């Protein structure tokens, strides 16, 4: 079991903003998973990987792939209180789910 968090590289998020958006994505997708997946992922160490997305359209394409595969996922939009305009899409989390299923959606992306 793992979770992949995909963060945009094209919007100039600072390190702290990036960390916050990755955390929002991880928690939101976890909350969208079923109790069995939540339990298995938590008991297995909550494996995560952070990957790069080149832009908003890539985030939405990946989210659609995750939806078609039946994977828990979450697209994150910034509230606009600091660095970004309100509603800016910043990140996507896919999983927690079986490693191979997450890789089916995110396996071609580069590490952040």
PDB file of N, CA and C in Angstrom:
ATOM      1  N   UNK A   1       0.840  -1.183   0.000  1.00  0.00           N
ATOM      2  CA  UNK A   1       0.000   0.000   0.000  1.00  0.00           C
ATOM      3  C   UNK A   1       0.878   1.237   0.000  1.00  0.00           C
ATOM      4  N   UNK A   2       0.470   2.206  -0.810  1.00  0.00           N
ATOM      5  CA  UNK A   2       1.178   3.482  -0.800  1.00  0.00           C
ATOM      6  C   UNK A   2       0.258   4.585  -1.261  1.00  0.00           C
ATOM      7  N   UNK A   3       0.785   5.781  -1.156  1.00  0.00           N
ATOM      8  CA  UNK A   3       0.091   6.967  -1.625  1.00  0.00           C
ATOM      9  C   UNK A   3       1.100   7.784  -2.426  1.00  0.00           C
ATOM     10  N   UNK A   4       0.664   8.299  -3.562  1.00  0.00           N
ATOM     11  CA  UNK A   4       1.497   9.184  -4.365  1.00  0.00           C
ATOM     12  C   UNK A   4       0.890  10.581  -4.311  1.00  0.00           C
ATOM     13  N   UNK A   5       1.713  11.554  -3.986  1.00  0.00           N
ATOM     14  CA  UNK A   5       1.281  12.946  -3.985  1.00  0.00           C
ATOM     15  C   UNK A   5       2.005  13.630  -5.125  1.00  0.00           C
ATOM     16  N   UNK A   6       1.213  14.261  -5.992  1.00  0.00           N
ATOM     17  CA  UNK A   6       1.729  14.908  -7.192  1.00  0.00           C
ATOM     18  C   UNK A   6       1.567  16.413  -7.008  1.00  0.00           C
ATOM     19  N   UNK A   7       2.680  17.137  -7.036  1.00  0.00           N
ATOM     20  CA  UNK A   7       2.654  18.578  -6.824  1.00  0.00           C
ATOM     21  C   UNK A   7       3.097  19.307  -8.092  1.00  0.00           C
ATOM     22  N   UNK A   8       2.454  20.423  -8.349  1.00  0.00           N
ATOM     23  CA  UNK A   8       2.790  21.219  -9.531  1.00  0.00           C
ATOM     24  C   UNK A   8       4.141  21.908  -9.376  1.00  0.00           C
ATOM     25  N   UNK A   9       4.900  21.939 -10.468  1.00  0.00           N
ATOM     26  CA  UNK A   9       6.211  22.590 -10.480  1.00  0.00           C
ATOM     27  C   UNK A   9       6.178  23.940 -11.188  1.00  0.00           C
ATOM     28  N   UNK A  10       5.055  24.289 -11.767  1.00  0.00           N
ATOM     29  CA  UNK A  10       4.983  25.475 -12.627  1.00  0.00           C
ATOM     30  C   UNK A  10       4.430  26.718 -11.952  1.00  0.00           C
ATOM     31  N   UNK A  11       4.134  26.667 -10.653  1.00  0.00           N
ATOM     32  CA  UNK A  11       3.488  27.811 -10.016  1.00  0.00           C
ATOM     33  C   UNK A  11       4.344  28.474  -8.944  1.00  0.00           C
ATOM     34  N   UNK A  12       5.575  28.034  -8.788  1.00  0.00           N
ATOM     35  CA  UNK A  12       6.517  28.715  -7.913  1.00  0.00           C
ATOM     36  C   UNK A  12       6.174  28.676  -6.439  1.00  0.00           C
ATOM     37  N   UNK A  13       5.668  27.550  -5.947  1.00  0.00           N
ATOM     38  CA  UNK A  13       5.405  27.435  -4.513  1.00  0.00           C
ATOM     39  C   UNK A  13       6.715  27.406  -3.746  1.00  0.00           C
ATOM     40  N   UNK A  14       6.770  28.132  -2.638  1.00  0.00           N
ATOM     41  CA  UNK A  14       7.906  28.042  -1.741  1.00  0.00           C
ATOM     42  C   UNK A  14       7.906  26.693  -1.047  1.00  0.00           C
ATOM     43  N   UNK A  15       8.991  26.392  -0.368  1.00  0.00           N
ATOM     44  CA  UNK A  15       9.132  25.095   0.289  1.00  0.00           C
ATOM     45  C   UNK A  15       8.042  24.847   1.324  1.00  0.00           C
ATOM     46  N   UNK A  16       7.731  25.846   2.128  1.00  0.00           N
ATOM     47  CA  UNK A  16       6.691  25.692   3.140  1.00  0.00           C
ATOM     48  C   UNK A  16       5.323  25.503   2.533  1.00  0.00           C
ATOM     49  N   UNK A  17       5.028  26.278   1.485  1.00  0.00           N
ATOM     50  CA  UNK A  17       3.741  26.153   0.784  1.00  0.00           C
ATOM     51  C   UNK A  17       3.626  24.768   0.177  1.00  0.00           C
ATOM     52  N   UNK A  18       4.690  24.293  -0.454  1.00  0.00           N
ATOM     53  CA  UNK A  18       4.691  22.954  -1.044  1.00  0.00           C
ATOM     54  C   UNK A  18       4.411  21.900   0.016  1.00  0.00           C
ATOM     55  N   UNK A  19       5.085  22.003   1.152  1.00  0.00           N
ATOM     56  CA  UNK A  19       4.884  21.026   2.228  1.00  0.00           C
ATOM     57  C   UNK A  19       3.437  21.038   2.705  1.00  0.00           C
ATOM     58  N   UNK A  20       2.858  22.210   2.859  1.00  0.00           N
ATOM     59  CA  UNK A  20       1.473  22.308   3.315  1.00  0.00           C
ATOM     60  C   UNK A  20       0.512  21.704   2.298  1.00  0.00           C
ATOM     61  N   UNK A  21       0.737  21.959   1.018  1.00  0.00           N
ATOM     62  CA  UNK A  21      -0.163  21.446  -0.014  1.00  0.00           C
ATOM     63  C   UNK A  21      -0.056  19.926  -0.129  1.00  0.00           C
ATOM     64  N   UNK A  22       1.149  19.387   0.011  1.00  0.00           N
ATOM     65  CA  UNK A  22       1.345  17.935   0.006  1.00  0.00           C
ATOM     66  C   UNK A  22       0.622  17.314   1.198  1.00  0.00           C
ATOM     67  N   UNK A  23       0.713  17.959   2.355  1.00  0.00           N
ATOM     68  CA  UNK A  23       0.019  17.447   3.544  1.00  0.00           C
ATOM     69  C   UNK A  23      -1.495  17.489   3.355  1.00  0.00           C
ATOM     70  N   UNK A  24      -2.019  18.588   2.807  1.00  0.00           N
ATOM     71  CA  UNK A  24      -3.461  18.668   2.532  1.00  0.00           C
ATOM     72  C   UNK A  24      -3.891  17.530   1.615  1.00  0.00           C
ATOM     73  N   UNK A  25      -3.125  17.294   0.561  1.00  0.00           N
ATOM     74  CA  UNK A  25      -3.476  16.259  -0.409  1.00  0.00           C
ATOM     75  C   UNK A  25      -3.464  14.875   0.240  1.00  0.00           C
ATOM     76  N   UNK A  26      -2.423  14.596   0.998  1.00  0.00           N
ATOM     77  CA  UNK A  26      -2.300  13.290   1.636  1.00  0.00           C
ATOM     78  C   UNK A  26      -3.486  13.013   2.554  1.00  0.00           C
ATOM     79  N   UNK A  27      -3.798  13.950   3.414  1.00  0.00           N
ATOM     80  CA  UNK A  27      -4.889  13.753   4.364  1.00  0.00           C
ATOM     81  C   UNK A  27      -6.243  13.649   3.649  1.00  0.00           C
ATOM     82  N   UNK A  28      -6.462  14.488   2.658  1.00  0.00           N
ATOM     83  CA  UNK A  28      -7.747  14.469   1.948  1.00  0.00           C
ATOM     84  C   UNK A  28      -7.984  13.149   1.230  1.00  0.00           C
ATOM     85  N   UNK A  29      -6.972  12.636   0.553  1.00  0.00           N
ATOM     86  CA  UNK A  29      -7.132  11.356  -0.145  1.00  0.00           C
ATOM     87  C   UNK A  29      -7.303  10.216   0.854  1.00  0.00           C
ATOM     88  N   UNK A  30      -6.574  10.271   1.955  1.00  0.00           N
ATOM     89  CA  UNK A  30      -6.738   9.263   3.021  1.00  0.00           C
ATOM     90  C   UNK A  30      -8.189   9.240   3.506  1.00  0.00           C
ATOM     91  N   UNK A  31      -8.763  10.420   3.698  1.00  0.00           N
ATOM     92  CA  UNK A  31     -10.149  10.504   4.157  1.00  0.00           C
ATOM     93  C   UNK A  31     -11.133   9.966   3.119  1.00  0.00           C
ATOM     94  N   UNK A  32     -10.728   9.955   1.845  1.00  0.00           N
ATOM     95  CA  UNK A  32     -11.583   9.428   0.770  1.00  0.00           C
ATOM     96  C   UNK A  32     -11.448   7.924   0.587  1.00  0.00           C
ATOM     97  N   UNK A  33     -10.501   7.326   1.287  1.00  0.00           N
ATOM     98  CA  UNK A  33     -10.300   5.873   1.186  1.00  0.00           C
ATOM     99  C   UNK A  33     -11.258   5.163   2.134  1.00  0.00           C
ATOM    100  N   UNK A  34     -11.518   3.916   1.851  1.00  0.00           N
ATOM    101  CA  UNK A  34     -12.361   3.113   2.735  1.00  0.00           C
ATOM    102  C   UNK A  34     -11.622   2.727   3.999  1.00  0.00           C
ATOM    103  N   UNK A  35     -12.358   2.287   5.015  1.00  0.00           N
ATOM    104  CA  UNK A  35     -11.722   1.950   6.293  1.00  0.00           C
ATOM    105  C   UNK A  35     -10.697   0.824   6.195  1.00  0.00           C
ATOM    106  N   UNK A  36     -10.908  -0.138   5.318  1.00  0.00           N
ATOM    107  CA  UNK A  36      -9.927  -1.225   5.179  1.00  0.00           C
ATOM    108  C   UNK A  36      -8.620  -0.694   4.610  1.00  0.00           C
ATOM    109  N   UNK A  37      -8.709   0.139   3.566  1.00  0.00           N
ATOM    110  CA  UNK A  37      -7.505   0.727   2.970  1.00  0.00           C
ATOM    111  C   UNK A  37      -6.810   1.639   3.973  1.00  0.00           C
ATOM    112  N   UNK A  38      -7.569   2.417   4.715  1.00  0.00           N
ATOM    113  CA  UNK A  38      -6.978   3.289   5.732  1.00  0.00           C
ATOM    114  C   UNK A  38      -6.198   2.473   6.762  1.00  0.00           C
ATOM    115  N   UNK A  39      -6.820   1.428   7.260  1.00  0.00           N
ATOM    116  CA  UNK A  39      -6.208   0.593   8.291  1.00  0.00           C
ATOM    117  C   UNK A  39      -4.940  -0.091   7.764  1.00  0.00           C
ATOM    118  N   UNK A  40      -5.029  -0.663   6.562  1.00  0.00           N
ATOM    119  CA  UNK A  40      -3.875  -1.371   6.002  1.00  0.00           C
ATOM    120  C   UNK A  40      -2.709  -0.420   5.756  1.00  0.00           C
ATOM    121  N   UNK A  41      -3.002   0.762   5.220  1.00  0.00           N
ATOM    122  CA  UNK A  41      -1.947   1.738   4.929  1.00  0.00           C
ATOM    123  C   UNK A  41      -1.295   2.222   6.223  1.00  0.00           C
ATOM    124  N   UNK A  42      -2.109   2.525   7.219  1.00  0.00           N
ATOM    125  CA  UNK A  42      -1.564   3.005   8.493  1.00  0.00           C
ATOM    126  C   UNK A  42      -0.713   1.935   9.162  1.00  0.00           C
ATOM    127  N   UNK A  43      -1.170   0.693   9.136  1.00  0.00           N
ATOM    128  CA  UNK A  43      -0.408  -0.375   9.798  1.00  0.00           C
ATOM    129  C   UNK A  43       0.856  -0.727   9.030  1.00  0.00           C
ATOM    130  N   UNK A  44       0.918  -0.361   7.752  1.00  0.00           N
ATOM    131  CA  UNK A  44       2.089  -0.652   6.931  1.00  0.00           C
ATOM    132  C   UNK A  44       3.096   0.476   6.857  1.00  0.00           C
ATOM    133  N   UNK A  45       2.941   1.512   7.673  1.00  0.00           N
ATOM    134  CA  UNK A  45       3.930   2.583   7.717  1.00  0.00           C
ATOM    135  C   UNK A  45       3.569   3.824   6.924  1.00  0.00           C
ATOM    136  N   UNK A  46       2.389   3.877   6.314  1.00  0.00           N
ATOM    137  CA  UNK A  46       1.910   5.049   5.581  1.00  0.00           C
ATOM    138  C   UNK A  46       2.891   5.492   4.489  1.00  0.00           C
ATOM    139  N   UNK A  47       3.311   4.545   3.653  1.00  0.00           N
ATOM    140  CA  UNK A  47       4.280   4.836   2.591  1.00  0.00           C
ATOM    141  C   UNK A  47       3.742   5.904   1.640  1.00  0.00           C
ATOM    142  N   UNK A  48       4.593   6.906   1.372  1.00  0.00           N
ATOM    143  CA  UNK A  48       4.242   8.009   0.476  1.00  0.00           C
ATOM    144  C   UNK A  48       5.397   8.285  -0.471  1.00  0.00           C
ATOM    145  N   UNK A  49       5.046   8.852  -1.614  1.00  0.00           N
ATOM    146  CA  UNK A  49       6.033   9.311  -2.576  1.00  0.00           C
ATOM    147  C   UNK A  49       5.526  10.642  -3.123  1.00  0.00           C
ATOM    148  N   UNK A  50       6.422  11.601  -3.323  1.00  0.00           N
ATOM    149  CA  UNK A  50       6.038  12.907  -3.852  1.00  0.00           C
ATOM    150  C   UNK A  50       6.640  13.049  -5.244  1.00  0.00           C
ATOM    151  N   UNK A  51       5.776  13.379  -6.183  1.00  0.00           N
ATOM    152  CA  UNK A  51       6.121  13.414  -7.604  1.00  0.00           C
ATOM    153  C   UNK A  51       5.814  14.778  -8.208  1.00  0.00           C
ATOM    154  N   UNK A  52       6.347  15.018  -9.402  1.00  0.00           N
ATOM    155  CA  UNK A  52       6.179  16.299 -10.091  1.00  0.00           C
ATOM    156  C   UNK A  52       5.084  16.244 -11.146  1.00  0.00           C
ATOM    157  N   UNK A  53       4.298  17.322 -11.196  1.00  0.00           N
ATOM    158  CA  UNK A  53       3.351  17.549 -12.290  1.00  0.00           C
ATOM    159  C   UNK A  53       3.732  18.866 -12.946  1.00  0.00           C
ATOM    160  N   UNK A  54       3.654  18.905 -14.261  1.00  0.00           N
ATOM    161  CA  UNK A  54       4.071  20.093 -14.987  1.00  0.00           C
ATOM    162  C   UNK A  54       3.026  21.195 -15.004  1.00  0.00           C
ATOM    163  N   UNK A  55       1.775  20.865 -14.695  1.00  0.00           N
ATOM    164  CA  UNK A  55       0.741  21.891 -14.720  1.00  0.00           C
ATOM    165  C   UNK A  55      -0.617  21.368 -14.315  1.00  0.00           C
ATOM    166  N   UNK A  56      -1.583  22.260 -14.318  1.00  0.00           N
ATOM    167  CA  UNK A  56      -2.935  21.927 -13.888  1.00  0.00           C
ATOM    168  C   UNK A  56      -3.569  20.841 -14.744  1.00  0.00           C
ATOM    169  N   UNK A  57      -3.380  20.902 -16.048  1.00  0.00           N
ATOM    170  CA  UNK A  57      -4.015  19.900 -16.911  1.00  0.00           C
ATOM    171  C   UNK A  57      -3.496  18.503 -16.611  1.00  0.00           C
ATOM    172  N   UNK A  58      -2.215  18.372 -16.289  1.00  0.00           N
ATOM    173  CA  UNK A  58      -1.671  17.064 -15.935  1.00  0.00           C
ATOM    174  C   UNK A  58      -2.297  16.559 -14.631  1.00  0.00           C
ATOM    175  N   UNK A  59      -2.484  17.448 -13.671  1.00  0.00           N
ATOM    176  CA  UNK A  59      -3.126  17.064 -12.405  1.00  0.00           C
ATOM    177  C   UNK A  59      -4.528  16.521 -12.677  1.00  0.00           C
ATOM    178  N   UNK A  60      -5.297  17.228 -13.492  1.00  0.00           N
ATOM    179  CA  UNK A  60      -6.662  16.779 -13.774  1.00  0.00           C
ATOM    180  C   UNK A  60      -6.689  15.489 -14.589  1.00  0.00           C
ATOM    181  N   UNK A  61      -5.751  15.318 -15.509  1.00  0.00           N
ATOM    182  CA  UNK A  61      -5.673  14.062 -16.271  1.00  0.00           C
ATOM    183  C   UNK A  61      -5.389  12.880 -15.333  1.00  0.00           C
ATOM    184  N   UNK A  62      -4.458  13.065 -14.407  1.00  0.00           N
ATOM    185  CA  UNK A  62      -4.126  12.014 -13.446  1.00  0.00           C
ATOM    186  C   UNK A  62      -5.300  11.728 -12.512  1.00  0.00           C
ATOM    187  N   UNK A  63      -5.985  12.771 -12.091  1.00  0.00           N
ATOM    188  CA  UNK A  63      -7.155  12.585 -11.224  1.00  0.00           C
ATOM    189  C   UNK A  63      -8.232  11.782 -11.944  1.00  0.00           C
ATOM    190  N   UNK A  64      -8.410  12.049 -13.218  1.00  0.00           N
ATOM    191  CA  UNK A  64      -9.406  11.295 -13.998  1.00  0.00           C
ATOM    192  C   UNK A  64      -8.991   9.830 -14.120  1.00  0.00           C
ATOM    193  N   UNK A  65      -7.703   9.575 -14.332  1.00  0.00           N
ATOM    194  CA  UNK A  65      -7.225   8.193 -14.384  1.00  0.00           C
ATOM    195  C   UNK A  65      -7.476   7.488 -13.047  1.00  0.00           C
ATOM    196  N   UNK A  66      -7.203   8.177 -11.953  1.00  0.00           N
ATOM    197  CA  UNK A  66      -7.433   7.599 -10.627  1.00  0.00           C
ATOM    198  C   UNK A  66      -8.923   7.300 -10.437  1.00  0.00           C
ATOM    199  N   UNK A  67      -9.777   8.212 -10.859  1.00  0.00           N
ATOM    200  CA  UNK A  67     -11.222   7.999 -10.746  1.00  0.00           C
ATOM    201  C   UNK A  67     -11.647   6.764 -11.523  1.00  0.00           C
ATOM    202  N   UNK A  68     -11.141   6.644 -12.770  1.00  0.00           N
ATOM    203  CA  UNK A  68     -11.492   5.487 -13.599  1.00  0.00           C
ATOM    204  C   UNK A  68     -11.023   4.178 -12.981  1.00  0.00           C
ATOM    205  N   UNK A  69      -9.907   4.208 -12.268  1.00  0.00           N
ATOM    206  CA  UNK A  69      -9.366   3.011 -11.615  1.00  0.00           C
ATOM    207  C   UNK A  69     -10.033   2.739 -10.265  1.00  0.00           C
ATOM    208  N   UNK A  70     -10.886   3.646  -9.838  1.00  0.00           N
ATOM    209  CA  UNK A  70     -11.561   3.473  -8.559  1.00  0.00           C
ATOM    210  C   UNK A  70     -10.680   3.735  -7.354  1.00  0.00           C
ATOM    211  N   UNK A  71      -9.639   4.539  -7.534  1.00  0.00           N
ATOM    212  CA  UNK A  71      -8.694   4.820  -6.454  1.00  0.00           C
ATOM    213  C   UNK A  71      -9.100   6.057  -5.667  1.00  0.00           C
ATOM    214  N   UNK A  72      -8.896   6.024  -4.360  1.00  0.00           N
ATOM    215  CA  UNK A  72      -9.124   7.253  -3.594  1.00  0.00           C
ATOM    216  C   UNK A  72      -8.136   8.308  -4.068  1.00  0.00           C
ATOM    217  N   UNK A  73      -8.611   9.523  -4.185  1.00  0.00           N
ATOM    218  CA  UNK A  73      -7.740  10.609  -4.641  1.00  0.00           C
ATOM    219  C   UNK A  73      -8.338  11.940  -4.200  1.00  0.00           C
ATOM    220  N   UNK A  74      -7.538  12.980  -4.280  1.00  0.00           N
ATOM    221  CA  UNK A  74      -7.995  14.312  -3.916  1.00  0.00           C
ATOM    222  C   UNK A  74      -7.184  15.349  -4.674  1.00  0.00           C
ATOM    223  N   UNK A  75      -7.892  16.278  -5.314  1.00  0.00           N
ATOM    224  CA  UNK A  75      -7.270  17.440  -5.954  1.00  0.00           C
ATOM    225  C   UNK A  75      -7.350  18.595  -4.960  1.00  0.00           C
ATOM    226  N   UNK A  76      -6.245  19.272  -4.762  1.00  0.00           N
ATOM    227  CA  UNK A  76      -6.166  20.356  -3.782  1.00  0.00           C
ATOM    228  C   UNK A  76      -6.117  21.705  -4.496  1.00  0.00           C
ATOM    229  N   UNK A  77      -6.956  22.612  -4.000  1.00  0.00           N
ATOM    230  CA  UNK A  77      -6.984  24.000  -4.474  1.00  0.00           C
ATOM    231  C   UNK A  77      -6.607  24.898  -3.310  1.00  0.00           C
ATOM    232  N   UNK A  78      -5.738  25.854  -3.566  1.00  0.00           N
ATOM    233  CA  UNK A  78      -5.270  26.742  -2.509  1.00  0.00           C
ATOM    234  C   UNK A  78      -6.349  27.751  -2.124  1.00  0.00           C
ATOM    235  N   UNK A  79      -6.374  28.117  -0.860  1.00  0.00           N
ATOM    236  CA  UNK A  79      -7.343  29.098  -0.361  1.00  0.00           C
ATOM    237  C   UNK A  79      -6.957  30.525  -0.735  1.00  0.00           C
ATOM    238  N   UNK A  80      -5.712  30.736  -1.105  1.00  0.00           N
ATOM    239  CA  UNK A  80      -5.296  32.053  -1.555  1.00  0.00           C
ATOM    240  C   UNK A  80      -4.919  33.025  -0.456  1.00  0.00           C
ATOM    241  N   UNK A  81      -4.574  32.528   0.715  1.00  0.00           N
ATOM    242  CA  UNK A  81      -4.230  33.416   1.822  1.00  0.00           C
ATOM    243  C   UNK A  81      -2.781  33.893   1.786  1.00  0.00           C
ATOM    244  N   UNK A  82      -1.918  33.216   1.033  1.00  0.00           N
ATOM    245  CA  UNK A  82      -0.498  33.591   1.070  1.00  0.00           C
ATOM    246  C   UNK A  82       0.054  33.792  -0.341  1.00  0.00           C
ATOM    247  N   UNK A  83       0.658  32.780  -0.934  1.00  0.00           N
ATOM    248  CA  UNK A  83       1.430  32.934  -2.163  1.00  0.00           C
ATOM    249  C   UNK A  83       0.631  32.835  -3.453  1.00  0.00           C
ATOM    250  N   UNK A  84      -0.496  32.168  -3.429  1.00  0.00           N
ATOM    251  CA  UNK A  84      -1.210  31.838  -4.660  1.00  0.00           C
ATOM    252  C   UNK A  84      -2.600  32.457  -4.686  1.00  0.00           C
ATOM    253  N   UNK A  85      -3.137  32.587  -5.887  1.00  0.00           N
ATOM    254  CA  UNK A  85      -4.505  33.079  -6.037  1.00  0.00           C
ATOM    255  C   UNK A  85      -5.488  32.034  -5.520  1.00  0.00           C
ATOM    256  N   UNK A  86      -6.604  32.473  -4.969  1.00  0.00           N
ATOM    257  CA  UNK A  86      -7.618  31.517  -4.502  1.00  0.00           C
ATOM    258  C   UNK A  86      -8.047  30.573  -5.623  1.00  0.00           C
ATOM    259  N   UNK A  87      -8.152  29.293  -5.278  1.00  0.00           N
ATOM    260  CA  UNK A  87      -8.596  28.287  -6.244  1.00  0.00           C
ATOM    261  C   UNK A  87      -7.505  27.681  -7.093  1.00  0.00           C
ATOM    262  N   UNK A  88      -6.266  28.135  -6.923  1.00  0.00           N
ATOM    263  CA  UNK A  88      -5.164  27.564  -7.697  1.00  0.00           C
ATOM    264  C   UNK A  88      -5.004  26.088  -7.356  1.00  0.00           C
ATOM    265  N   UNK A  89      -5.012  25.235  -8.368  1.00  0.00           N
ATOM    266  CA  UNK A  89      -4.789  23.800  -8.164  1.00  0.00           C
ATOM    267  C   UNK A  89      -3.306  23.604  -7.879  1.00  0.00           C
ATOM    268  N   UNK A  90      -3.009  22.966  -6.750  1.00  0.00           N
ATOM    269  CA  UNK A  90      -1.617  22.810  -6.325  1.00  0.00           C
ATOM    270  C   UNK A  90      -1.120  21.376  -6.318  1.00  0.00           C
ATOM    271  N   UNK A  91      -1.990  20.426  -5.999  1.00  0.00           N
ATOM    272  CA  UNK A  91      -1.522  19.053  -5.788  1.00  0.00           C
ATOM    273  C   UNK A  91      -2.661  18.054  -5.958  1.00  0.00           C
ATOM    274  N   UNK A  92      -2.258  16.815  -6.108  1.00  0.00           N
ATOM    275  CA  UNK A  92      -3.162  15.673  -6.198  1.00  0.00           C
ATOM    276  C   UNK A  92      -2.548  14.547  -5.386  1.00  0.00           C
ATOM    277  N   UNK A  93      -3.360  13.855  -4.626  1.00  0.00           N
ATOM    278  CA  UNK A  93      -2.903  12.614  -3.978  1.00  0.00           C
ATOM    279  C   UNK A  93      -3.707  11.458  -4.546  1.00  0.00           C
ATOM    280  N   UNK A  94      -3.025  10.359  -4.786  1.00  0.00           N
ATOM    281  CA  UNK A  94      -3.647   9.117  -5.273  1.00  0.00           C
ATOM    282  C   UNK A  94      -3.307   8.031  -4.262  1.00  0.00           C
ATOM    283  N   UNK A  95      -4.345   7.395  -3.740  1.00  0.00           N
ATOM    284  CA  UNK A  95      -4.168   6.377  -2.728  1.00  0.00           C
ATOM    285  C   UNK A  95      -4.468   6.947  -1.364  1.00  0.00           C
ATOM    286  N   UNK A  96      -4.400   6.128  -0.358  1.00  0.00           N
ATOM    287  CA  UNK A  96      -3.694   4.865  -0.269  1.00  0.00           C
ATOM    288  C   UNK A  96      -4.408   3.738  -1.010  1.00  0.00           C
ATOM    289  N   UNK A  97      -3.575   2.965  -1.679  1.00  0.00           N
ATOM    290  CA  UNK A  97      -4.058   1.818  -2.438  1.00  0.00           C
ATOM    291  C   UNK A  97      -2.871   0.901  -2.720  1.00  0.00           C
ATOM    292  N   UNK A  98      -3.170  -0.224  -3.321  1.00  0.00           N
ATOM    293  CA  UNK A  98      -2.148  -1.178  -3.733  1.00  0.00           C
ATOM    294  C   UNK A  98      -1.084  -0.466  -4.569  1.00  0.00           C
ATOM    295  N   UNK A  99       0.177  -0.755  -4.301  1.00  0.00           N
ATOM    296  CA  UNK A  99       1.288  -0.102  -5.007  1.00  0.00           C
ATOM    297  C   UNK A  99       1.114  -0.129  -6.525  1.00  0.00           C
ATOM    298  N   UNK A 100       0.789  -1.282  -7.061  1.00  0.00           N
ATOM    299  CA  UNK A 100       0.685  -1.428  -8.515  1.00  0.00           C
ATOM    300  C   UNK A 100      -0.427  -0.568  -9.088  1.00  0.00           C
ATOM    301  N   UNK A 101      -1.518  -0.423  -8.353  1.00  0.00           N
ATOM    302  CA  UNK A 101      -2.626   0.408  -8.837  1.00  0.00           C
ATOM    303  C   UNK A 101      -2.242   1.886  -8.822  1.00  0.00           C
ATOM    304  N   UNK A 102      -1.554   2.322  -7.781  1.00  0.00           N
ATOM    305  CA  UNK A 102      -1.092   3.709  -7.727  1.00  0.00           C
ATOM    306  C   UNK A 102      -0.085   3.959  -8.852  1.00  0.00           C
ATOM    307  N   UNK A 103       0.827   3.004  -9.055  1.00  0.00           N
ATOM    308  CA  UNK A 103       1.825   3.137 -10.123  1.00  0.00           C
ATOM    309  C   UNK A 103       1.186   3.170 -11.502  1.00  0.00           C
ATOM    310  N   UNK A 104       0.058   2.517 -11.661  1.00  0.00           N
ATOM    311  CA  UNK A 104      -0.644   2.537 -12.946  1.00  0.00           C
ATOM    312  C   UNK A 104      -1.026   3.967 -13.330  1.00  0.00           C
ATOM    313  N   UNK A 105      -1.313   4.792 -12.334  1.00  0.00           N
ATOM    314  CA  UNK A 105      -1.698   6.186 -12.576  1.00  0.00           C
ATOM    315  C   UNK A 105      -0.485   7.112 -12.568  1.00  0.00           C
ATOM    316  N   UNK A 106       0.449   6.917 -11.642  1.00  0.00           N
ATOM    317  CA  UNK A 106       1.513   7.890 -11.418  1.00  0.00           C
ATOM    318  C   UNK A 106       2.919   7.386 -11.744  1.00  0.00           C
ATOM    319  N   UNK A 107       3.028   6.154 -12.218  1.00  0.00           N
ATOM    320  CA  UNK A 107       4.338   5.512 -12.386  1.00  0.00           C
ATOM    321  C   UNK A 107       5.286   6.165 -13.376  1.00  0.00           C
ATOM    322  N   UNK A 108       4.785   7.004 -14.275  1.00  0.00           N
ATOM    323  CA  UNK A 108       5.648   7.646 -15.260  1.00  0.00           C
ATOM    324  C   UNK A 108       6.172   9.006 -14.823  1.00  0.00           C
ATOM    325  N   UNK A 109       5.799   9.451 -13.627  1.00  0.00           N
ATOM    326  CA  UNK A 109       6.186  10.776 -13.160  1.00  0.00           C
ATOM    327  C   UNK A 109       7.550  10.739 -12.484  1.00  0.00           C
ATOM    328  N   UNK A 110       8.216  11.914 -12.453  1.00  0.00           N
ATOM    329  CA  UNK A 110       9.521  12.043 -11.794  1.00  0.00           C
ATOM    330  C   UNK A 110       9.354  12.388 -10.320  1.00  0.00           C
ATOM    331  N   UNK A 111      10.330  11.964  -9.525  1.00  0.00           N
ATOM    332  CA  UNK A 111      10.361  12.313  -8.113  1.00  0.00           C
ATOM    333  C   UNK A 111      10.517  13.824  -7.945  1.00  0.00           C
ATOM    334  N   UNK A 112       9.895  14.347  -6.905  1.00  0.00           N
ATOM    335  CA  UNK A 112      10.027  15.777  -6.618  1.00  0.00           C
ATOM    336  C   UNK A 112      11.360  16.018  -5.964  1.00  0.00           C
TER     337      UNK A 112
END
